[in-house]
């Protein structure tokens, strides 16, 4: 009894045409994923950096509130 299920090496399980379509599908998936991930990651990093700068500026403003340094900074910002 020679059943093809018993000898998988005798069957061509993955013909070249199916392999190529699998590679194209996987390549397209990876290109799409990476194509969306990089801009998203860049925007996230930029927002995190901007938020850290804003937080530092707010802390400095709270520290200088009511001092001579605050008045000097206000004069500088009025000129700009």
PDB file of N, CA and C in Angstrom:
ATOM      1  N   UNK A   1       0.831  -1.166   0.000  1.00  0.00           N
ATOM      2  CA  UNK A   1       0.000   0.000   0.000  1.00  0.00           C
ATOM      3  C   UNK A   1       0.881   1.237   0.000  1.00  0.00           C
ATOM      4  N   UNK A   2       0.910   1.864  -1.115  1.00  0.00           N
ATOM      5  CA  UNK A   2       1.749   3.050  -1.201  1.00  0.00           C
ATOM      6  C   UNK A   2       0.859   4.288  -1.179  1.00  0.00           C
ATOM      7  N   UNK A   3       0.753   4.868  -0.020  1.00  0.00           N
ATOM      8  CA  UNK A   3      -0.076   6.066   0.172  1.00  0.00           C
ATOM      9  C   UNK A   3       0.842   7.287   0.196  1.00  0.00           C
ATOM     10  N   UNK A   4       0.470   8.331  -0.540  1.00  0.00           N
ATOM     11  CA  UNK A   4       1.324   9.513  -0.619  1.00  0.00           C
ATOM     12  C   UNK A   4       1.409  10.254   0.714  1.00  0.00           C
ATOM     13  N   UNK A   5       0.438  10.024   1.616  1.00  0.00           N
ATOM     14  CA  UNK A   5       0.491  10.671   2.930  1.00  0.00           C
ATOM     15  C   UNK A   5       1.619  10.094   3.774  1.00  0.00           C
ATOM     16  N   UNK A   6       2.027   8.899   3.471  1.00  0.00           N
ATOM     17  CA  UNK A   6       3.087   8.271   4.240  1.00  0.00           C
ATOM     18  C   UNK A   6       4.470   8.744   3.809  1.00  0.00           C
ATOM     19  N   UNK A   7       4.582   9.241   2.595  1.00  0.00           N
ATOM     20  CA  UNK A   7       5.875   9.688   2.071  1.00  0.00           C
ATOM     21  C   UNK A   7       5.764  11.136   1.583  1.00  0.00           C
ATOM     22  N   UNK A   8       5.831  12.095   2.512  1.00  0.00           N
ATOM     23  CA  UNK A   8       5.671  13.489   2.095  1.00  0.00           C
ATOM     24  C   UNK A   8       6.795  13.981   1.196  1.00  0.00           C
ATOM     25  N   UNK A   9       7.958  13.338   1.240  1.00  0.00           N
ATOM     26  CA  UNK A   9       9.049  13.791   0.383  1.00  0.00           C
ATOM     27  C   UNK A   9       8.772  13.519  -1.090  1.00  0.00           C
ATOM     28  N   UNK A  10       7.858  12.626  -1.358  1.00  0.00           N
ATOM     29  CA  UNK A  10       7.527  12.339  -2.744  1.00  0.00           C
ATOM     30  C   UNK A  10       6.577  13.386  -3.323  1.00  0.00           C
ATOM     31  N   UNK A  11       5.956  14.174  -2.455  1.00  0.00           N
ATOM     32  CA  UNK A  11       5.032  15.211  -2.926  1.00  0.00           C
ATOM     33  C   UNK A  11       5.754  16.552  -2.969  1.00  0.00           C
ATOM     34  N   UNK A  12       5.415  17.344  -3.950  1.00  0.00           N
ATOM     35  CA  UNK A  12       5.940  18.712  -4.004  1.00  0.00           C
ATOM     36  C   UNK A  12       4.964  19.591  -3.225  1.00  0.00           C
ATOM     37  N   UNK A  13       5.229  19.771  -1.934  1.00  0.00           N
ATOM     38  CA  UNK A  13       4.311  20.461  -1.037  1.00  0.00           C
ATOM     39  C   UNK A  13       4.251  21.955  -1.351  1.00  0.00           C
ATOM     40  N   UNK A  14       5.357  22.534  -1.668  1.00  0.00           N
ATOM     41  CA  UNK A  14       5.420  23.981  -1.884  1.00  0.00           C
ATOM     42  C   UNK A  14       6.021  24.274  -3.253  1.00  0.00           C
ATOM     43  N   UNK A  15       5.202  24.265  -4.293  1.00  0.00           N
ATOM     44  CA  UNK A  15       5.746  24.535  -5.628  1.00  0.00           C
ATOM     45  C   UNK A  15       6.314  25.945  -5.721  1.00  0.00           C
ATOM     46  N   UNK A  16       7.233  26.169  -6.644  1.00  0.00           N
ATOM     47  CA  UNK A  16       7.895  27.472  -6.753  1.00  0.00           C
ATOM     48  C   UNK A  16       6.930  28.646  -6.923  1.00  0.00           C
ATOM     49  N   UNK A  17       5.821  28.461  -7.614  1.00  0.00           N
ATOM     50  CA  UNK A  17       4.887  29.568  -7.808  1.00  0.00           C
ATOM     51  C   UNK A  17       4.263  29.987  -6.479  1.00  0.00           C
ATOM     52  N   UNK A  18       3.976  29.025  -5.598  1.00  0.00           N
ATOM     53  CA  UNK A  18       3.420  29.357  -4.286  1.00  0.00           C
ATOM     54  C   UNK A  18       4.485  29.992  -3.397  1.00  0.00           C
ATOM     55  N   UNK A  19       5.714  29.564  -3.531  1.00  0.00           N
ATOM     56  CA  UNK A  19       6.797  30.147  -2.752  1.00  0.00           C
ATOM     57  C   UNK A  19       6.985  31.616  -3.128  1.00  0.00           C
ATOM     58  N   UNK A  20       6.933  31.918  -4.407  1.00  0.00           N
ATOM     59  CA  UNK A  20       7.106  33.289  -4.867  1.00  0.00           C
ATOM     60  C   UNK A  20       5.973  34.173  -4.366  1.00  0.00           C
ATOM     61  N   UNK A  21       4.747  33.701  -4.428  1.00  0.00           N
ATOM     62  CA  UNK A  21       3.627  34.510  -3.960  1.00  0.00           C
ATOM     63  C   UNK A  21       3.704  34.722  -2.448  1.00  0.00           C
ATOM     64  N   UNK A  22       4.192  33.722  -1.722  1.00  0.00           N
ATOM     65  CA  UNK A  22       4.375  33.870  -0.280  1.00  0.00           C
ATOM     66  C   UNK A  22       5.439  34.919   0.008  1.00  0.00           C
ATOM     67  N   UNK A  23       6.525  34.882  -0.722  1.00  0.00           N
ATOM     68  CA  UNK A  23       7.597  35.865  -0.538  1.00  0.00           C
ATOM     69  C   UNK A  23       7.113  37.273  -0.875  1.00  0.00           C
ATOM     70  N   UNK A  24       6.357  37.390  -1.937  1.00  0.00           N
ATOM     71  CA  UNK A  24       5.827  38.706  -2.311  1.00  0.00           C
ATOM     72  C   UNK A  24       4.854  39.213  -1.249  1.00  0.00           C
ATOM     73  N   UNK A  25       3.984  38.346  -0.775  1.00  0.00           N
ATOM     74  CA  UNK A  25       3.037  38.730   0.263  1.00  0.00           C
ATOM     75  C   UNK A  25       3.736  39.145   1.549  1.00  0.00           C
ATOM     76  N   UNK A  26       4.714  38.361   1.976  1.00  0.00           N
ATOM     77  CA  UNK A  26       5.443  38.687   3.199  1.00  0.00           C
ATOM     78  C   UNK A  26       6.262  39.961   3.015  1.00  0.00           C
ATOM     79  N   UNK A  27       6.893  40.111   1.871  1.00  0.00           N
ATOM     80  CA  UNK A  27       7.670  41.332   1.597  1.00  0.00           C
ATOM     81  C   UNK A  27       6.794  42.572   1.599  1.00  0.00           C
ATOM     82  N   UNK A  28       5.607  42.469   1.020  1.00  0.00           N
ATOM     83  CA  UNK A  28       4.669  43.587   1.010  1.00  0.00           C
ATOM     84  C   UNK A  28       4.217  43.918   2.425  1.00  0.00           C
ATOM     85  N   UNK A  29       3.927  42.902   3.220  1.00  0.00           N
ATOM     86  CA  UNK A  29       3.534  43.121   4.617  1.00  0.00           C
ATOM     87  C   UNK A  29       4.650  43.828   5.381  1.00  0.00           C
ATOM     88  N   UNK A  30       5.879  43.363   5.228  1.00  0.00           N
ATOM     89  CA  UNK A  30       7.005  43.963   5.954  1.00  0.00           C
ATOM     90  C   UNK A  30       7.256  45.398   5.489  1.00  0.00           C
ATOM     91  N   UNK A  31       7.187  45.647   4.196  1.00  0.00           N
ATOM     92  CA  UNK A  31       7.410  47.004   3.691  1.00  0.00           C
ATOM     93  C   UNK A  31       6.335  47.958   4.211  1.00  0.00           C
ATOM     94  N   UNK A  32       5.097  47.512   4.240  1.00  0.00           N
ATOM     95  CA  UNK A  32       4.004  48.337   4.761  1.00  0.00           C
ATOM     96  C   UNK A  32       4.198  48.604   6.250  1.00  0.00           C
ATOM     97  N   UNK A  33       4.535  47.570   7.007  1.00  0.00           N
ATOM     98  CA  UNK A  33       4.735  47.726   8.448  1.00  0.00           C
ATOM     99  C   UNK A  33       5.876  48.692   8.747  1.00  0.00           C
ATOM    100  N   UNK A  34       7.007  48.487   8.112  1.00  0.00           N
ATOM    101  CA  UNK A  34       8.158  49.368   8.338  1.00  0.00           C
ATOM    102  C   UNK A  34       7.872  50.770   7.810  1.00  0.00           C
ATOM    103  N   UNK A  35       7.164  50.860   6.702  1.00  0.00           N
ATOM    104  CA  UNK A  35       6.813  52.159   6.130  1.00  0.00           C
ATOM    105  C   UNK A  35       5.933  52.993   7.046  1.00  0.00           C
ATOM    106  N   UNK A  36       5.074  52.360   7.810  1.00  0.00           N
ATOM    107  CA  UNK A  36       4.248  53.081   8.771  1.00  0.00           C
ATOM    108  C   UNK A  36       4.960  53.278  10.103  1.00  0.00           C
ATOM    109  N   UNK A  37       5.804  52.338  10.492  1.00  0.00           N
ATOM    110  CA  UNK A  37       6.441  52.386  11.805  1.00  0.00           C
ATOM    111  C   UNK A  37       7.445  53.532  11.907  1.00  0.00           C
ATOM    112  N   UNK A  38       8.282  53.734  10.898  1.00  0.00           N
ATOM    113  CA  UNK A  38       9.318  54.761  10.986  1.00  0.00           C
ATOM    114  C   UNK A  38       8.747  56.169  11.132  1.00  0.00           C
ATOM    115  N   UNK A  39       7.800  56.611  10.308  1.00  0.00           N
ATOM    116  CA  UNK A  39       7.253  57.962  10.527  1.00  0.00           C
ATOM    117  C   UNK A  39       6.542  58.088  11.869  1.00  0.00           C
ATOM    118  N   UNK A  40       5.841  57.048  12.276  1.00  0.00           N
ATOM    119  CA  UNK A  40       5.144  57.075  13.566  1.00  0.00           C
ATOM    120  C   UNK A  40       6.155  57.209  14.695  1.00  0.00           C
ATOM    121  N   UNK A  41       7.209  56.443  14.641  1.00  0.00           N
ATOM    122  CA  UNK A  41       8.251  56.503  15.678  1.00  0.00           C
ATOM    123  C   UNK A  41       8.933  57.861  15.677  1.00  0.00           C
ATOM    124  N   UNK A  42       9.180  58.437  14.503  1.00  0.00           N
ATOM    125  CA  UNK A  42       9.806  59.757  14.410  1.00  0.00           C
ATOM    126  C   UNK A  42       8.907  60.812  15.055  1.00  0.00           C
ATOM    127  N   UNK A  43       7.625  60.798  14.736  1.00  0.00           N
ATOM    128  CA  UNK A  43       6.697  61.770  15.323  1.00  0.00           C
ATOM    129  C   UNK A  43       6.595  61.606  16.832  1.00  0.00           C
ATOM    130  N   UNK A  44       6.576  60.364  17.297  1.00  0.00           N
ATOM    131  CA  UNK A  44       6.510  60.116  18.743  1.00  0.00           C
ATOM    132  C   UNK A  44       7.750  60.672  19.434  1.00  0.00           C
ATOM    133  N   UNK A  45       8.928  60.433  18.869  1.00  0.00           N
ATOM    134  CA  UNK A  45      10.175  60.933  19.459  1.00  0.00           C
ATOM    135  C   UNK A  45      10.206  62.451  19.463  1.00  0.00           C
ATOM    136  N   UNK A  46       9.751  63.055  18.375  1.00  0.00           N
ATOM    137  CA  UNK A  46       9.725  64.519  18.281  1.00  0.00           C
ATOM    138  C   UNK A  46       8.769  65.105  19.317  1.00  0.00           C
ATOM    139  N   UNK A  47       7.596  64.510  19.477  1.00  0.00           N
ATOM    140  CA  UNK A  47       6.639  64.993  20.463  1.00  0.00           C
ATOM    141  C   UNK A  47       7.173  64.829  21.886  1.00  0.00           C
ATOM    142  N   UNK A  48       7.848  63.725  22.141  1.00  0.00           N
ATOM    143  CA  UNK A  48       8.422  63.500  23.471  1.00  0.00           C
ATOM    144  C   UNK A  48       9.505  64.533  23.764  1.00  0.00           C
ATOM    145  N   UNK A  49      10.340  64.839  22.779  1.00  0.00           N
ATOM    146  CA  UNK A  49      11.395  65.841  22.944  1.00  0.00           C
ATOM    147  C   UNK A  49      10.783  67.225  23.182  1.00  0.00           C
ATOM    148  N   UNK A  50       9.771  67.590  22.394  1.00  0.00           N
ATOM    149  CA  UNK A  50       9.113  68.888  22.553  1.00  0.00           C
ATOM    150  C   UNK A  50       8.427  69.005  23.917  1.00  0.00           C
ATOM    151  N   UNK A  51       7.810  67.919  24.363  1.00  0.00           N
ATOM    152  CA  UNK A  51       7.147  67.931  25.672  1.00  0.00           C
ATOM    153  C   UNK A  51       8.170  68.106  26.790  1.00  0.00           C
ATOM    154  N   UNK A  52       9.324  67.474  26.672  1.00  0.00           N
ATOM    155  CA  UNK A  52      10.370  67.613  27.686  1.00  0.00           C
ATOM    156  C   UNK A  52      10.896  69.049  27.719  1.00  0.00           C
ATOM    157  N   UNK A  53      11.064  69.655  26.549  1.00  0.00           N
ATOM    158  CA  UNK A  53      11.513  71.053  26.505  1.00  0.00           C
ATOM    159  C   UNK A  53      10.474  71.975  27.123  1.00  0.00           C
ATOM    160  N   UNK A  54       9.206  71.755  26.824  1.00  0.00           N
ATOM    161  CA  UNK A  54       8.139  72.578  27.374  1.00  0.00           C
ATOM    162  C   UNK A  54       8.059  72.413  28.890  1.00  0.00           C
ATOM    163  N   UNK A  55       8.192  71.193  29.358  1.00  0.00           N
ATOM    164  CA  UNK A  55       8.152  70.948  30.799  1.00  0.00           C
ATOM    165  C   UNK A  55       9.309  71.669  31.504  1.00  0.00           C
ATOM    166  N   UNK A  56      10.483  71.617  30.907  1.00  0.00           N
ATOM    167  CA  UNK A  56      11.635  72.307  31.488  1.00  0.00           C
ATOM    168  C   UNK A  56      11.407  73.817  31.500  1.00  0.00           C
ATOM    169  N   UNK A  57      10.851  74.359  30.423  1.00  0.00           N
ATOM    170  CA  UNK A  57      10.579  75.804  30.365  1.00  0.00           C
ATOM    171  C   UNK A  57       9.545  76.209  31.419  1.00  0.00           C
ATOM    172  N   UNK A  58       8.519  75.385  31.609  1.00  0.00           N
ATOM    173  CA  UNK A  58       7.510  75.689  32.622  1.00  0.00           C
ATOM    174  C   UNK A  58       8.098  75.623  34.031  1.00  0.00           C
ATOM    175  N   UNK A  59       8.989  74.676  34.277  1.00  0.00           N
ATOM    176  CA  UNK A  59       9.639  74.588  35.578  1.00  0.00           C
ATOM    177  C   UNK A  59      10.521  75.812  35.814  1.00  0.00           C
ATOM    178  N   UNK A  60      11.244  76.253  34.792  1.00  0.00           N
ATOM    179  CA  UNK A  60      12.082  77.443  34.916  1.00  0.00           C
ATOM    180  C   UNK A  60      11.231  78.676  35.163  1.00  0.00           C
ATOM    181  N   UNK A  61      10.100  78.768  34.481  1.00  0.00           N
ATOM    182  CA  UNK A  61       9.207  79.917  34.652  1.00  0.00           C
ATOM    183  C   UNK A  61       8.669  79.951  36.083  1.00  0.00           C
ATOM    184  N   UNK A  62       8.309  78.807  36.614  1.00  0.00           N
ATOM    185  CA  UNK A  62       7.808  78.745  37.989  1.00  0.00           C
ATOM    186  C   UNK A  62       8.914  79.101  38.982  1.00  0.00           C
ATOM    187  N   UNK A  63      10.145  78.726  38.656  1.00  0.00           N
ATOM    188  CA  UNK A  63      11.277  79.015  39.531  1.00  0.00           C
ATOM    189  C   UNK A  63      11.595  80.508  39.556  1.00  0.00           C
ATOM    190  N   UNK A  64      11.490  81.163  38.383  1.00  0.00           N
ATOM    191  CA  UNK A  64      11.859  82.577  38.278  1.00  0.00           C
ATOM    192  C   UNK A  64      10.703  83.529  38.568  1.00  0.00           C
ATOM    193  N   UNK A  65       9.508  83.001  38.814  1.00  0.00           N
ATOM    194  CA  UNK A  65       8.333  83.844  39.000  1.00  0.00           C
ATOM    195  C   UNK A  65       8.534  84.810  40.172  1.00  0.00           C
ATOM    196  N   UNK A  66       8.336  86.114  39.887  1.00  0.00           N
ATOM    197  CA  UNK A  66       8.452  87.145  40.914  1.00  0.00           C
ATOM    198  C   UNK A  66       9.870  87.609  41.179  1.00  0.00           C
ATOM    199  N   UNK A  67      10.841  87.191  40.376  1.00  0.00           N
ATOM    200  CA  UNK A  67      12.231  87.597  40.591  1.00  0.00           C
ATOM    201  C   UNK A  67      12.668  88.565  39.497  1.00  0.00           C
ATOM    202  N   UNK A  68      13.838  89.116  39.674  1.00  0.00           N
ATOM    203  CA  UNK A  68      14.419  90.031  38.684  1.00  0.00           C
ATOM    204  C   UNK A  68      14.691  89.292  37.372  1.00  0.00           C
ATOM    205  N   UNK A  69      15.075  88.039  37.479  1.00  0.00           N
ATOM    206  CA  UNK A  69      15.350  87.228  36.277  1.00  0.00           C
ATOM    207  C   UNK A  69      14.099  87.122  35.397  1.00  0.00           C
ATOM    208  N   UNK A  70      12.924  86.988  35.983  1.00  0.00           N
ATOM    209  CA  UNK A  70      11.681  86.917  35.212  1.00  0.00           C
ATOM    210  C   UNK A  70      11.465  88.206  34.433  1.00  0.00           C
ATOM    211  N   UNK A  71      11.715  89.329  35.078  1.00  0.00           N
ATOM    212  CA  UNK A  71      11.531  90.620  34.386  1.00  0.00           C
ATOM    213  C   UNK A  71      12.500  90.748  33.214  1.00  0.00           C
ATOM    214  N   UNK A  72      13.729  90.278  33.403  1.00  0.00           N
ATOM    215  CA  UNK A  72      14.713  90.320  32.307  1.00  0.00           C
ATOM    216  C   UNK A  72      14.252  89.446  31.137  1.00  0.00           C
ATOM    217  N   UNK A  73      13.754  88.274  31.441  1.00  0.00           N
ATOM    218  CA  UNK A  73      13.278  87.369  30.385  1.00  0.00           C
ATOM    219  C   UNK A  73      12.071  87.948  29.658  1.00  0.00           C
ATOM    220  N   UNK A  74      11.179  88.597  30.391  1.00  0.00           N
ATOM    221  CA  UNK A  74      10.017  89.220  29.759  1.00  0.00           C
ATOM    222  C   UNK A  74      10.425  90.339  28.816  1.00  0.00           C
ATOM    223  N   UNK A  75      11.420  91.122  29.212  1.00  0.00           N
ATOM    224  CA  UNK A  75      11.925  92.186  28.341  1.00  0.00           C
ATOM    225  C   UNK A  75      12.511  91.607  27.059  1.00  0.00           C
ATOM    226  N   UNK A  76      13.248  90.503  27.179  1.00  0.00           N
ATOM    227  CA  UNK A  76      13.846  89.857  26.003  1.00  0.00           C
ATOM    228  C   UNK A  76      12.770  89.332  25.064  1.00  0.00           C
ATOM    229  N   UNK A  77      11.707  88.750  25.620  1.00  0.00           N
ATOM    230  CA  UNK A  77      10.658  88.188  24.758  1.00  0.00           C
ATOM    231  C   UNK A  77       9.827  89.274  24.112  1.00  0.00           C
ATOM    232  N   UNK A  78       9.720  90.438  24.746  1.00  0.00           N
ATOM    233  CA  UNK A  78       8.978  91.542  24.138  1.00  0.00           C
ATOM    234  C   UNK A  78       9.708  92.097  22.926  1.00  0.00           C
ATOM    235  N   UNK A  79      11.038  92.039  22.954  1.00  0.00           N
ATOM    236  CA  UNK A  79      11.838  92.542  21.834  1.00  0.00           C
ATOM    237  C   UNK A  79      11.739  91.637  20.616  1.00  0.00           C
ATOM    238  N   UNK A  80      11.511  90.388  20.835  1.00  0.00           N
ATOM    239  CA  UNK A  80      11.463  89.426  19.722  1.00  0.00           C
ATOM    240  C   UNK A  80      10.137  89.479  19.134  1.00  0.00           C
TER     241      UNK A  80
END
